[in-house]
Amino acid sequence: MIDFEQLAFFSISAMILVSAIQVLRCNEIIHSVMWLGLSFIGIAGIFILLNAEYLAIVQILVYAGAITILILFAVMLTRRQIMDQKGGEK
């Protein structure tokens, strides 16, 4: 019989695997970063199941928050410079 913790573990693990695969399969880099953020949130869920609440909070604040936003800003700023060099929109 599967209890709640095992069901939660398998569902969160499936979410992490699907989002990690989508990171690799997406053509748009913005969508890929969003899937990466969902993967980080899933890893925080695994930490919660392991009763490591501090690591879950750090995972959400540092990785899902800061790193994902940093990647998004880098992508947006890089695309702007590439479009300016090609003579695109300003």
N, C-alpha and C. Protein backbone atom coordinates (compact mmCIF):
# COMPACT_ATOMS: atom_id res chain seq x y z
N MET A 1 0.84 -1.19 0.00
CA MET A 1 0.00 0.00 0.00
C MET A 1 0.89 1.25 0.00
N ILE A 2 0.57 2.17 -0.84
CA ILE A 2 1.35 3.41 -0.94
C ILE A 2 0.75 4.45 0.00
N ASP A 3 1.59 4.98 0.88
CA ASP A 3 1.10 6.02 1.79
C ASP A 3 1.28 7.40 1.16
N PHE A 4 0.92 8.43 1.90
CA PHE A 4 0.93 9.79 1.37
C PHE A 4 2.34 10.25 1.01
N GLU A 5 3.33 9.94 1.85
CA GLU A 5 4.70 10.39 1.59
C GLU A 5 5.27 9.78 0.31
N GLN A 6 4.99 8.51 0.09
CA GLN A 6 5.47 7.87 -1.13
C GLN A 6 4.78 8.44 -2.36
N LEU A 7 3.49 8.69 -2.25
CA LEU A 7 2.75 9.28 -3.37
C LEU A 7 3.27 10.68 -3.67
N ALA A 8 3.52 11.46 -2.61
CA ALA A 8 4.06 12.80 -2.80
C ALA A 8 5.45 12.74 -3.43
N PHE A 9 6.28 11.80 -2.97
CA PHE A 9 7.63 11.66 -3.52
C PHE A 9 7.59 11.31 -5.00
N PHE A 10 6.76 10.35 -5.37
CA PHE A 10 6.70 9.95 -6.77
C PHE A 10 6.13 11.05 -7.66
N SER A 11 5.15 11.79 -7.17
CA SER A 11 4.58 12.86 -7.99
C SER A 11 5.57 14.02 -8.14
N ILE A 12 6.26 14.37 -7.06
CA ILE A 12 7.25 15.45 -7.15
C ILE A 12 8.42 15.02 -8.03
N SER A 13 8.83 13.76 -7.91
CA SER A 13 9.92 13.25 -8.75
C SER A 13 9.54 13.28 -10.22
N ALA A 14 8.31 12.91 -10.52
CA ALA A 14 7.84 12.97 -11.90
C ALA A 14 7.82 14.40 -12.42
N MET A 15 7.40 15.34 -11.55
CA MET A 15 7.38 16.75 -11.94
C MET A 15 8.80 17.24 -12.23
N ILE A 16 9.76 16.83 -11.40
CA ILE A 16 11.15 17.24 -11.60
C ILE A 16 11.68 16.67 -12.92
N LEU A 17 11.42 15.41 -13.17
CA LEU A 17 11.91 14.79 -14.40
C LEU A 17 11.29 15.41 -15.65
N VAL A 18 9.99 15.65 -15.61
CA VAL A 18 9.31 16.26 -16.77
C VAL A 18 9.84 17.67 -17.01
N SER A 19 9.99 18.45 -15.94
CA SER A 19 10.48 19.82 -16.13
C SER A 19 11.94 19.83 -16.57
N ALA A 20 12.75 18.90 -16.11
CA ALA A 20 14.15 18.83 -16.55
C ALA A 20 14.24 18.44 -18.02
N ILE A 21 13.38 17.55 -18.45
CA ILE A 21 13.35 17.18 -19.88
C ILE A 21 12.88 18.36 -20.72
N GLN A 22 11.90 19.10 -20.23
CA GLN A 22 11.41 20.26 -20.96
C GLN A 22 12.45 21.37 -21.05
N VAL A 23 13.34 21.46 -20.05
CA VAL A 23 14.43 22.44 -20.12
C VAL A 23 15.28 22.16 -21.36
N LEU A 24 15.51 20.90 -21.64
CA LEU A 24 16.34 20.54 -22.78
C LEU A 24 15.61 20.61 -24.11
N ARG A 25 14.30 20.39 -24.10
CA ARG A 25 13.54 20.30 -25.35
C ARG A 25 12.98 21.63 -25.84
N CYS A 26 12.89 22.63 -24.98
CA CYS A 26 12.29 23.90 -25.39
C CYS A 26 13.16 24.64 -26.38
N ASN A 27 12.51 25.23 -27.37
CA ASN A 27 13.22 26.04 -28.35
C ASN A 27 13.44 27.45 -27.84
N GLU A 28 12.48 27.96 -27.08
CA GLU A 28 12.60 29.31 -26.52
C GLU A 28 13.35 29.25 -25.20
N ILE A 29 14.37 30.08 -25.06
CA ILE A 29 15.19 30.03 -23.85
C ILE A 29 14.42 30.55 -22.63
N ILE A 30 13.48 31.44 -22.83
CA ILE A 30 12.66 31.94 -21.71
C ILE A 30 11.83 30.81 -21.14
N HIS A 31 11.23 30.01 -22.00
CA HIS A 31 10.45 28.87 -21.51
C HIS A 31 11.35 27.86 -20.81
N SER A 32 12.53 27.68 -21.33
CA SER A 32 13.48 26.76 -20.71
C SER A 32 13.84 27.21 -19.30
N VAL A 33 14.02 28.50 -19.11
CA VAL A 33 14.34 29.02 -17.77
C VAL A 33 13.16 28.84 -16.83
N MET A 34 11.95 29.01 -17.33
CA MET A 34 10.78 28.79 -16.48
C MET A 34 10.66 27.33 -16.05
N TRP A 35 10.94 26.41 -16.96
CA TRP A 35 10.94 24.99 -16.59
C TRP A 35 12.04 24.71 -15.58
N LEU A 36 13.17 25.37 -15.71
CA LEU A 36 14.26 25.19 -14.75
C LEU A 36 13.83 25.66 -13.37
N GLY A 37 13.11 26.78 -13.30
CA GLY A 37 12.58 27.26 -12.02
C GLY A 37 11.62 26.26 -11.40
N LEU A 38 10.77 25.65 -12.23
CA LEU A 38 9.85 24.63 -11.71
C LEU A 38 10.62 23.41 -11.20
N SER A 39 11.69 23.07 -11.87
CA SER A 39 12.53 21.97 -11.40
C SER A 39 13.15 22.29 -10.04
N PHE A 40 13.62 23.52 -9.87
CA PHE A 40 14.18 23.94 -8.58
C PHE A 40 13.12 23.89 -7.47
N ILE A 41 11.91 24.28 -7.78
CA ILE A 41 10.83 24.23 -6.79
C ILE A 41 10.51 22.78 -6.43
N GLY A 42 10.56 21.89 -7.40
CA GLY A 42 10.35 20.47 -7.12
C GLY A 42 11.43 19.91 -6.21
N ILE A 43 12.67 20.33 -6.41
CA ILE A 43 13.75 19.89 -5.54
C ILE A 43 13.53 20.39 -4.12
N ALA A 44 12.99 21.59 -3.98
CA ALA A 44 12.65 22.10 -2.65
C ALA A 44 11.55 21.24 -2.02
N GLY A 45 10.63 20.75 -2.83
CA GLY A 45 9.60 19.85 -2.31
C GLY A 45 10.19 18.55 -1.80
N ILE A 46 11.21 18.03 -2.47
CA ILE A 46 11.89 16.82 -1.99
C ILE A 46 12.58 17.10 -0.65
N PHE A 47 13.18 18.29 -0.51
CA PHE A 47 13.79 18.65 0.76
C PHE A 47 12.75 18.71 1.88
N ILE A 48 11.57 19.19 1.57
CA ILE A 48 10.51 19.24 2.58
C ILE A 48 10.11 17.84 3.00
N LEU A 49 10.02 16.92 2.05
CA LEU A 49 9.71 15.53 2.39
C LEU A 49 10.79 14.90 3.26
N LEU A 50 12.02 15.37 3.12
CA LEU A 50 13.12 14.84 3.93
C LEU A 50 13.26 15.56 5.27
N ASN A 51 12.31 16.43 5.60
CA ASN A 51 12.31 17.22 6.84
C ASN A 51 13.54 18.13 6.92
N ALA A 52 13.95 18.66 5.81
CA ALA A 52 15.05 19.62 5.74
C ALA A 52 14.46 20.95 5.27
N GLU A 53 13.69 21.57 6.16
CA GLU A 53 12.98 22.80 5.79
C GLU A 53 13.93 23.94 5.46
N TYR A 54 15.04 24.04 6.19
CA TYR A 54 16.00 25.10 5.92
C TYR A 54 16.56 25.00 4.50
N LEU A 55 16.93 23.78 4.10
CA LEU A 55 17.44 23.60 2.73
C LEU A 55 16.37 23.90 1.69
N ALA A 56 15.10 23.58 2.01
CA ALA A 56 14.01 23.88 1.07
C ALA A 56 13.86 25.39 0.90
N ILE A 57 13.95 26.12 2.00
CA ILE A 57 13.83 27.59 1.92
C ILE A 57 15.00 28.18 1.15
N VAL A 58 16.20 27.68 1.41
CA VAL A 58 17.38 28.16 0.69
C VAL A 58 17.26 27.82 -0.80
N GLN A 59 16.77 26.64 -1.10
CA GLN A 59 16.58 26.22 -2.50
C GLN A 59 15.63 27.18 -3.21
N ILE A 60 14.54 27.53 -2.55
CA ILE A 60 13.57 28.43 -3.18
C ILE A 60 14.12 29.84 -3.31
N LEU A 61 14.75 30.34 -2.25
CA LEU A 61 15.25 31.72 -2.29
C LEU A 61 16.44 31.88 -3.23
N VAL A 62 17.41 30.99 -3.13
CA VAL A 62 18.64 31.16 -3.90
C VAL A 62 18.47 30.67 -5.33
N TYR A 63 18.03 29.43 -5.50
CA TYR A 63 17.99 28.87 -6.85
C TYR A 63 16.73 29.26 -7.61
N ALA A 64 15.56 28.95 -7.06
CA ALA A 64 14.33 29.25 -7.79
C ALA A 64 14.11 30.74 -7.92
N GLY A 65 14.57 31.50 -6.95
CA GLY A 65 14.39 32.94 -7.01
C GLY A 65 15.53 33.64 -7.72
N ALA A 66 16.67 33.66 -7.07
CA ALA A 66 17.78 34.50 -7.54
C ALA A 66 18.40 34.00 -8.85
N ILE A 67 18.71 32.73 -8.93
CA ILE A 67 19.40 32.22 -10.12
C ILE A 67 18.49 32.29 -11.34
N THR A 68 17.21 31.92 -11.17
CA THR A 68 16.28 31.97 -12.30
C THR A 68 16.10 33.39 -12.79
N ILE A 69 15.94 34.34 -11.88
CA ILE A 69 15.78 35.74 -12.27
C ILE A 69 17.06 36.27 -12.92
N LEU A 70 18.21 35.86 -12.39
CA LEU A 70 19.48 36.28 -12.98
C LEU A 70 19.61 35.79 -14.42
N ILE A 71 19.24 34.54 -14.65
CA ILE A 71 19.29 33.99 -16.01
C ILE A 71 18.32 34.74 -16.92
N LEU A 72 17.12 35.03 -16.43
CA LEU A 72 16.15 35.76 -17.25
C LEU A 72 16.65 37.14 -17.61
N PHE A 73 17.23 37.86 -16.65
CA PHE A 73 17.77 39.18 -16.96
C PHE A 73 18.93 39.09 -17.95
N ALA A 74 19.79 38.10 -17.79
CA ALA A 74 20.91 37.95 -18.73
C ALA A 74 20.39 37.66 -20.13
N VAL A 75 19.38 36.82 -20.25
CA VAL A 75 18.83 36.51 -21.56
C VAL A 75 18.17 37.74 -22.17
N MET A 76 17.41 38.47 -21.38
CA MET A 76 16.73 39.65 -21.92
C MET A 76 17.72 40.72 -22.34
N LEU A 77 18.77 40.94 -21.54
CA LEU A 77 19.76 41.95 -21.90
C LEU A 77 20.58 41.52 -23.11
N THR A 78 20.89 40.25 -23.21
CA THR A 78 21.66 39.75 -24.35
C THR A 78 20.85 39.84 -25.62
N ARG A 79 19.58 39.48 -25.56
CA ARG A 79 18.74 39.58 -26.76
C ARG A 79 18.63 41.03 -27.22
N ARG A 80 18.55 41.95 -26.31
CA ARG A 80 18.44 43.36 -26.68
C ARG A 80 19.69 43.81 -27.44
N GLN A 81 20.86 43.43 -26.98
CA GLN A 81 22.09 43.83 -27.63
C GLN A 81 22.22 43.17 -29.01
N ILE A 82 21.82 41.93 -29.12
CA ILE A 82 21.89 41.25 -30.42
C ILE A 82 20.93 41.90 -31.40
N MET A 83 19.73 42.27 -30.94
CA MET A 83 18.77 42.92 -31.84
C MET A 83 19.25 44.29 -32.27
N ASP A 84 19.94 45.02 -31.35
CA ASP A 84 20.48 46.33 -31.71
C ASP A 84 21.59 46.22 -32.76
N GLN A 85 22.41 45.18 -32.64
CA GLN A 85 23.50 44.99 -33.59
C GLN A 85 23.00 44.60 -34.97
N LYS A 86 21.91 43.86 -35.02
CA LYS A 86 21.35 43.43 -36.30
C LYS A 86 20.49 44.51 -36.95
N GLY A 87 20.26 45.61 -36.23
CA GLY A 87 19.44 46.67 -36.80
C GLY A 87 17.96 46.44 -36.58
N GLY A 88 17.64 45.64 -35.58
CA GLY A 88 16.23 45.34 -35.28
C GLY A 88 15.61 46.43 -34.43
N GLU A 89 14.59 46.04 -33.70
CA GLU A 89 13.87 47.01 -32.87
C GLU A 89 14.78 47.52 -31.76
N LYS A 90 14.50 48.74 -31.33
CA LYS A 90 15.27 49.33 -30.22
C LYS A 90 14.42 49.59 -29.04
